[in-house]
Amino acid sequence: MLPHKIQLEIVTPERRVVSREVDEVILPGEVGSFGVLPGHAPLLAAHAPGVARVRGGGRDDVMAISSGYAEVLPDRVIVLAQTCERAEEIDTERARTAVSRYERMLRENPESDPDVIRFKLSKHLARLSASQTNP
């Protein structure tokens, strides 16, 4: 028998961001977003910086999540992330400033490591996007 809900845990080194039963989870994967519904096949996936969406319990949550891993089981999803912020926790102006700073660094500092800068830029673009999203 398929489960009707998913127990979702999203944790970072600093805190537990989410711990609740949900209907659906959408995560930013390394090669594109992927969704998880109850009864999903077991999966271990890397996720990239992006916007995560959680639906269930009469509410939708939007979060900016950085890289990490997700373990998916038919009745449970455990997400380990470097960072994760709920949309309402994000300071939009700070995110916008960080995006501008890293875009400028890409343009003006050709001797710096562009992969590191792009990674940091993608993290702050996700923060900015999540902060401006209404679930």
N, C-alpha and C. Protein backbone atom coordinates (compact mmCIF):
# COMPACT_ATOMS: atom_id res chain seq x y z
N MET A 1 0.83 -1.18 0.00
CA MET A 1 0.00 0.00 0.00
C MET A 1 0.88 1.25 0.00
N LEU A 2 0.55 2.20 -0.85
CA LEU A 2 1.33 3.43 -0.95
C LEU A 2 1.02 4.37 0.21
N PRO A 3 2.05 5.05 0.70
CA PRO A 3 1.82 6.04 1.75
C PRO A 3 1.04 7.23 1.19
N HIS A 4 0.32 7.93 2.05
CA HIS A 4 -0.46 9.10 1.64
C HIS A 4 0.31 10.40 1.85
N LYS A 5 1.33 10.36 2.67
CA LYS A 5 2.13 11.55 3.00
C LYS A 5 3.61 11.18 2.97
N ILE A 6 4.44 12.22 2.97
CA ILE A 6 5.89 12.08 3.05
C ILE A 6 6.35 12.78 4.32
N GLN A 7 7.19 12.12 5.10
CA GLN A 7 7.83 12.79 6.23
C GLN A 7 9.06 13.49 5.68
N LEU A 8 9.08 14.81 5.74
CA LEU A 8 10.18 15.60 5.19
C LEU A 8 11.05 16.16 6.30
N GLU A 9 12.34 16.00 6.15
CA GLU A 9 13.34 16.59 7.04
C GLU A 9 14.32 17.35 6.17
N ILE A 10 14.49 18.64 6.43
CA ILE A 10 15.53 19.42 5.78
C ILE A 10 16.42 19.96 6.88
N VAL A 11 17.70 19.57 6.83
CA VAL A 11 18.63 19.98 7.88
C VAL A 11 19.89 20.58 7.27
N THR A 12 20.45 21.54 7.99
CA THR A 12 21.73 22.15 7.64
C THR A 12 22.66 21.90 8.83
N PRO A 13 23.92 22.24 8.71
CA PRO A 13 24.80 22.09 9.88
C PRO A 13 24.36 22.91 11.08
N GLU A 14 23.61 23.99 10.85
CA GLU A 14 23.20 24.88 11.94
C GLU A 14 21.85 24.55 12.56
N ARG A 15 20.93 23.97 11.75
CA ARG A 15 19.58 23.80 12.28
C ARG A 15 18.73 22.85 11.44
N ARG A 16 17.62 22.47 12.03
CA ARG A 16 16.58 21.72 11.31
C ARG A 16 15.61 22.77 10.77
N VAL A 17 15.49 22.86 9.46
CA VAL A 17 14.66 23.87 8.83
C VAL A 17 13.22 23.39 8.71
N VAL A 18 13.03 22.13 8.34
CA VAL A 18 11.69 21.57 8.16
C VAL A 18 11.67 20.18 8.76
N SER A 19 10.60 19.88 9.46
CA SER A 19 10.33 18.53 9.95
C SER A 19 8.82 18.39 10.04
N ARG A 20 8.20 17.86 8.96
CA ARG A 20 6.75 17.72 8.96
C ARG A 20 6.30 16.80 7.85
N GLU A 21 5.05 16.39 7.92
CA GLU A 21 4.44 15.59 6.86
C GLU A 21 3.99 16.51 5.74
N VAL A 22 4.26 16.10 4.50
CA VAL A 22 3.91 16.91 3.34
C VAL A 22 3.31 16.03 2.25
N ASP A 23 2.74 16.69 1.25
CA ASP A 23 2.17 16.00 0.10
C ASP A 23 3.14 15.90 -1.07
N GLU A 24 4.01 16.90 -1.20
CA GLU A 24 4.91 16.95 -2.34
C GLU A 24 6.14 17.79 -1.99
N VAL A 25 7.28 17.40 -2.55
CA VAL A 25 8.54 18.14 -2.40
C VAL A 25 9.12 18.33 -3.80
N ILE A 26 9.57 19.55 -4.10
CA ILE A 26 10.26 19.82 -5.36
C ILE A 26 11.62 20.40 -5.01
N LEU A 27 12.68 19.74 -5.50
CA LEU A 27 14.04 20.15 -5.18
C LEU A 27 14.82 20.48 -6.45
N PRO A 28 15.77 21.41 -6.34
CA PRO A 28 16.61 21.72 -7.49
C PRO A 28 17.73 20.68 -7.63
N GLY A 29 17.63 19.79 -8.57
CA GLY A 29 18.65 18.77 -8.78
C GLY A 29 19.83 19.30 -9.56
N GLU A 30 20.87 18.51 -9.63
CA GLU A 30 22.08 18.90 -10.37
C GLU A 30 21.78 19.08 -11.86
N VAL A 31 20.83 18.34 -12.40
CA VAL A 31 20.51 18.44 -13.83
C VAL A 31 19.09 18.92 -14.07
N GLY A 32 18.49 19.54 -13.07
CA GLY A 32 17.13 20.07 -13.19
C GLY A 32 16.32 19.70 -11.97
N SER A 33 15.23 20.40 -11.79
CA SER A 33 14.38 20.16 -10.62
C SER A 33 13.71 18.80 -10.72
N PHE A 34 13.44 18.22 -9.55
CA PHE A 34 12.71 16.95 -9.51
C PHE A 34 11.70 16.99 -8.38
N GLY A 35 10.57 16.35 -8.62
CA GLY A 35 9.50 16.30 -7.64
C GLY A 35 9.40 14.94 -6.99
N VAL A 36 8.93 14.93 -5.76
CA VAL A 36 8.76 13.70 -5.00
C VAL A 36 7.34 13.68 -4.45
N LEU A 37 6.64 12.60 -4.74
CA LEU A 37 5.30 12.36 -4.19
C LEU A 37 5.35 11.11 -3.32
N PRO A 38 4.36 10.89 -2.46
CA PRO A 38 4.34 9.66 -1.67
C PRO A 38 4.44 8.43 -2.57
N GLY A 39 5.24 7.47 -2.14
CA GLY A 39 5.42 6.25 -2.91
C GLY A 39 6.55 6.31 -3.92
N HIS A 40 7.31 7.40 -3.92
CA HIS A 40 8.42 7.56 -4.87
C HIS A 40 9.42 6.42 -4.70
N ALA A 41 10.04 6.02 -5.79
CA ALA A 41 11.09 5.00 -5.74
C ALA A 41 12.28 5.53 -4.95
N PRO A 42 12.97 4.66 -4.24
CA PRO A 42 14.16 5.10 -3.50
C PRO A 42 15.19 5.74 -4.43
N LEU A 43 15.83 6.78 -3.91
CA LEU A 43 16.74 7.57 -4.73
C LEU A 43 17.69 8.34 -3.83
N LEU A 44 18.93 8.45 -4.24
CA LEU A 44 19.88 9.33 -3.58
C LEU A 44 20.31 10.32 -4.64
N ALA A 45 20.09 11.62 -4.39
CA ALA A 45 20.35 12.63 -5.41
C ALA A 45 21.12 13.80 -4.83
N ALA A 46 22.02 14.33 -5.65
CA ALA A 46 22.68 15.59 -5.30
C ALA A 46 21.74 16.71 -5.72
N HIS A 47 21.69 17.75 -4.93
CA HIS A 47 20.91 18.91 -5.35
C HIS A 47 21.80 20.12 -5.43
N ALA A 48 21.40 21.03 -6.30
CA ALA A 48 22.16 22.24 -6.58
C ALA A 48 21.52 23.42 -5.88
N PRO A 49 22.21 24.54 -5.81
CA PRO A 49 21.56 25.73 -5.28
C PRO A 49 20.33 26.08 -6.12
N GLY A 50 19.26 26.40 -5.45
CA GLY A 50 18.03 26.74 -6.16
C GLY A 50 16.88 26.94 -5.20
N VAL A 51 15.68 26.90 -5.75
CA VAL A 51 14.47 27.10 -4.97
C VAL A 51 13.81 25.75 -4.73
N ALA A 52 13.55 25.45 -3.47
CA ALA A 52 12.83 24.24 -3.08
C ALA A 52 11.39 24.63 -2.74
N ARG A 53 10.46 23.76 -3.09
CA ARG A 53 9.04 23.99 -2.80
C ARG A 53 8.48 22.78 -2.06
N VAL A 54 7.68 23.08 -1.05
CA VAL A 54 7.08 22.04 -0.23
C VAL A 54 5.59 22.33 -0.15
N ARG A 55 4.78 21.32 -0.47
CA ARG A 55 3.33 21.48 -0.41
C ARG A 55 2.74 20.45 0.55
N GLY A 56 1.83 20.94 1.40
CA GLY A 56 1.15 20.02 2.29
C GLY A 56 0.68 20.69 3.56
N GLY A 57 -0.30 20.06 4.18
CA GLY A 57 -0.82 20.58 5.43
C GLY A 57 -1.51 21.92 5.28
N GLY A 58 -2.06 22.19 4.10
CA GLY A 58 -2.76 23.44 3.90
C GLY A 58 -1.87 24.64 3.65
N ARG A 59 -0.56 24.38 3.47
CA ARG A 59 0.33 25.51 3.18
C ARG A 59 1.44 25.08 2.22
N ASP A 60 1.96 26.06 1.53
CA ASP A 60 3.10 25.85 0.65
C ASP A 60 4.27 26.65 1.20
N ASP A 61 5.45 26.05 1.20
CA ASP A 61 6.65 26.73 1.64
C ASP A 61 7.63 26.82 0.48
N VAL A 62 8.28 27.97 0.39
CA VAL A 62 9.32 28.20 -0.61
C VAL A 62 10.59 28.50 0.14
N MET A 63 11.70 27.86 -0.29
CA MET A 63 12.98 28.03 0.39
C MET A 63 14.11 28.15 -0.61
N ALA A 64 15.11 28.90 -0.26
CA ALA A 64 16.36 28.92 -1.02
C ALA A 64 17.26 27.86 -0.38
N ILE A 65 17.75 26.94 -1.20
CA ILE A 65 18.56 25.85 -0.68
C ILE A 65 19.86 25.79 -1.46
N SER A 66 20.94 25.53 -0.76
CA SER A 66 22.22 25.40 -1.44
C SER A 66 22.48 23.93 -1.74
N SER A 67 23.67 23.63 -2.15
CA SER A 67 23.97 22.26 -2.55
C SER A 67 23.95 21.29 -1.38
N GLY A 68 23.78 20.03 -1.71
CA GLY A 68 23.73 18.98 -0.71
C GLY A 68 23.19 17.70 -1.32
N TYR A 69 22.57 16.89 -0.49
CA TYR A 69 22.06 15.59 -0.93
C TYR A 69 20.66 15.36 -0.39
N ALA A 70 19.90 14.58 -1.15
CA ALA A 70 18.56 14.20 -0.72
C ALA A 70 18.44 12.68 -0.80
N GLU A 71 17.97 12.09 0.29
CA GLU A 71 17.65 10.67 0.29
C GLU A 71 16.13 10.57 0.20
N VAL A 72 15.66 9.91 -0.85
CA VAL A 72 14.23 9.77 -1.09
C VAL A 72 13.84 8.32 -0.86
N LEU A 73 12.84 8.11 -0.04
CA LEU A 73 12.25 6.80 0.19
C LEU A 73 10.75 6.94 -0.05
N PRO A 74 10.00 5.86 -0.17
CA PRO A 74 8.58 5.98 -0.48
C PRO A 74 7.78 6.84 0.50
N ASP A 75 8.20 6.88 1.77
CA ASP A 75 7.44 7.62 2.78
C ASP A 75 8.24 8.70 3.49
N ARG A 76 9.48 8.98 2.98
CA ARG A 76 10.35 9.90 3.70
C ARG A 76 11.34 10.54 2.74
N VAL A 77 11.63 11.82 2.97
CA VAL A 77 12.68 12.53 2.25
C VAL A 77 13.55 13.24 3.28
N ILE A 78 14.84 12.97 3.23
CA ILE A 78 15.79 13.63 4.11
C ILE A 78 16.73 14.44 3.23
N VAL A 79 16.76 15.75 3.48
CA VAL A 79 17.59 16.66 2.69
C VAL A 79 18.67 17.22 3.60
N LEU A 80 19.92 17.02 3.19
CA LEU A 80 21.07 17.60 3.88
C LEU A 80 21.60 18.70 2.98
N ALA A 81 21.62 19.92 3.49
CA ALA A 81 22.03 21.07 2.68
C ALA A 81 23.03 21.91 3.44
N GLN A 82 23.91 22.57 2.70
CA GLN A 82 24.84 23.49 3.34
C GLN A 82 24.08 24.63 3.99
N THR A 83 23.12 25.19 3.26
CA THR A 83 22.26 26.25 3.80
C THR A 83 20.86 26.07 3.27
N CYS A 84 19.90 26.58 4.02
CA CYS A 84 18.50 26.58 3.59
C CYS A 84 17.79 27.69 4.36
N GLU A 85 17.09 28.54 3.62
CA GLU A 85 16.36 29.65 4.24
C GLU A 85 14.94 29.68 3.69
N ARG A 86 13.98 29.80 4.59
CA ARG A 86 12.60 30.01 4.16
C ARG A 86 12.50 31.38 3.50
N ALA A 87 11.61 31.51 2.54
CA ALA A 87 11.46 32.76 1.80
C ALA A 87 11.28 33.96 2.72
N GLU A 88 10.49 33.79 3.77
CA GLU A 88 10.21 34.92 4.66
C GLU A 88 11.41 35.30 5.53
N GLU A 89 12.43 34.46 5.60
CA GLU A 89 13.63 34.75 6.38
C GLU A 89 14.68 35.53 5.57
N ILE A 90 14.51 35.58 4.27
CA ILE A 90 15.54 36.15 3.40
C ILE A 90 15.42 37.66 3.33
N ASP A 91 16.52 38.33 3.50
CA ASP A 91 16.61 39.77 3.33
C ASP A 91 16.84 40.01 1.83
N THR A 92 15.78 40.42 1.14
CA THR A 92 15.82 40.58 -0.31
C THR A 92 16.90 41.58 -0.74
N GLU A 93 17.04 42.65 -0.02
CA GLU A 93 18.03 43.66 -0.40
C GLU A 93 19.45 43.12 -0.26
N ARG A 94 19.71 42.37 0.80
CA ARG A 94 21.03 41.75 0.96
C ARG A 94 21.31 40.75 -0.16
N ALA A 95 20.29 39.98 -0.54
CA ALA A 95 20.45 39.01 -1.63
C ALA A 95 20.73 39.74 -2.94
N ARG A 96 20.00 40.81 -3.19
CA ARG A 96 20.21 41.61 -4.41
C ARG A 96 21.62 42.19 -4.45
N THR A 97 22.09 42.69 -3.32
CA THR A 97 23.44 43.25 -3.24
C THR A 97 24.50 42.17 -3.50
N ALA A 98 24.30 40.98 -2.94
CA ALA A 98 25.25 39.89 -3.15
C ALA A 98 25.27 39.46 -4.62
N VAL A 99 24.11 39.39 -5.26
CA VAL A 99 24.05 39.05 -6.68
C VAL A 99 24.86 40.06 -7.48
N SER A 100 24.65 41.33 -7.23
CA SER A 100 25.38 42.38 -7.95
C SER A 100 26.88 42.25 -7.73
N ARG A 101 27.28 41.99 -6.48
CA ARG A 101 28.70 41.86 -6.16
C ARG A 101 29.34 40.71 -6.93
N TYR A 102 28.69 39.54 -6.96
CA TYR A 102 29.28 38.38 -7.64
C TYR A 102 29.22 38.53 -9.16
N GLU A 103 28.21 39.18 -9.69
CA GLU A 103 28.18 39.46 -11.13
C GLU A 103 29.33 40.39 -11.51
N ARG A 104 29.57 41.40 -10.68
CA ARG A 104 30.67 42.33 -10.92
C ARG A 104 32.02 41.59 -10.83
N MET A 105 32.15 40.69 -9.87
CA MET A 105 33.39 39.92 -9.74
C MET A 105 33.65 39.08 -10.99
N LEU A 106 32.63 38.48 -11.56
CA LEU A 106 32.80 37.70 -12.78
C LEU A 106 33.30 38.56 -13.93
N ARG A 107 32.75 39.76 -14.02
CA ARG A 107 33.13 40.67 -15.11
C ARG A 107 34.53 41.27 -14.91
N GLU A 108 34.85 41.65 -13.69
CA GLU A 108 36.03 42.47 -13.45
C GLU A 108 37.26 41.73 -12.93
N ASN A 109 37.11 40.48 -12.51
CA ASN A 109 38.24 39.74 -11.94
C ASN A 109 38.50 38.45 -12.70
N PRO A 110 39.07 38.55 -13.90
CA PRO A 110 39.29 37.34 -14.70
C PRO A 110 40.30 36.38 -14.07
N GLU A 111 41.14 36.88 -13.16
CA GLU A 111 42.15 36.01 -12.54
C GLU A 111 41.57 35.18 -11.38
N SER A 112 40.39 35.52 -10.90
CA SER A 112 39.78 34.76 -9.80
C SER A 112 39.15 33.47 -10.35
N ASP A 113 38.82 32.57 -9.47
CA ASP A 113 38.24 31.28 -9.85
C ASP A 113 36.77 31.46 -10.25
N PRO A 114 36.46 31.41 -11.54
CA PRO A 114 35.08 31.68 -11.97
C PRO A 114 34.08 30.63 -11.48
N ASP A 115 34.51 29.39 -11.27
CA ASP A 115 33.58 28.36 -10.79
C ASP A 115 33.10 28.66 -9.37
N VAL A 116 34.01 29.11 -8.53
CA VAL A 116 33.63 29.46 -7.16
C VAL A 116 32.68 30.65 -7.16
N ILE A 117 32.99 31.64 -7.98
CA ILE A 117 32.13 32.83 -8.05
C ILE A 117 30.76 32.46 -8.60
N ARG A 118 30.71 31.63 -9.64
CA ARG A 118 29.41 31.21 -10.20
C ARG A 118 28.59 30.43 -9.17
N PHE A 119 29.26 29.59 -8.39
CA PHE A 119 28.55 28.84 -7.35
C PHE A 119 27.93 29.79 -6.34
N LYS A 120 28.72 30.76 -5.87
CA LYS A 120 28.21 31.73 -4.90
C LYS A 120 27.11 32.57 -5.51
N LEU A 121 27.27 32.95 -6.78
CA LEU A 121 26.24 33.71 -7.48
C LEU A 121 24.94 32.90 -7.55
N SER A 122 25.03 31.60 -7.88
CA SER A 122 23.82 30.78 -7.99
C SER A 122 23.10 30.67 -6.64
N LYS A 123 23.86 30.60 -5.56
CA LYS A 123 23.26 30.54 -4.22
C LYS A 123 22.46 31.81 -3.93
N HIS A 124 23.03 32.97 -4.26
CA HIS A 124 22.34 34.23 -3.98
C HIS A 124 21.22 34.51 -4.97
N LEU A 125 21.34 34.02 -6.20
CA LEU A 125 20.22 34.12 -7.15
C LEU A 125 19.03 33.31 -6.64
N ALA A 126 19.31 32.14 -6.07
CA ALA A 126 18.25 31.32 -5.48
C ALA A 126 17.60 32.04 -4.31
N ARG A 127 18.40 32.69 -3.48
CA ARG A 127 17.87 33.45 -2.34
C ARG A 127 16.96 34.56 -2.83
N LEU A 128 17.42 35.27 -3.85
CA LEU A 128 16.64 36.38 -4.40
C LEU A 128 15.34 35.86 -5.01
N SER A 129 15.42 34.79 -5.76
CA SER A 129 14.23 34.21 -6.38
C SER A 129 13.22 33.73 -5.33
N ALA A 130 13.71 33.02 -4.32
CA ALA A 130 12.80 32.53 -3.27
C ALA A 130 12.16 33.67 -2.50
N SER A 131 12.91 34.72 -2.26
CA SER A 131 12.38 35.84 -1.48
C SER A 131 11.28 36.58 -2.22
N GLN A 132 11.26 36.47 -3.52
CA GLN A 132 10.28 37.17 -4.33
C GLN A 132 9.13 36.28 -4.80
N THR A 133 9.11 35.04 -4.31
CA THR A 133 8.09 34.08 -4.72
C THR A 133 6.99 34.01 -3.70
N ASN A 134 5.77 34.08 -4.18
CA ASN A 134 4.61 33.86 -3.31
C ASN A 134 4.16 32.42 -3.52
N PRO A 135 4.15 31.62 -2.47
CA PRO A 135 3.77 30.21 -2.63
C PRO A 135 2.35 30.04 -3.12
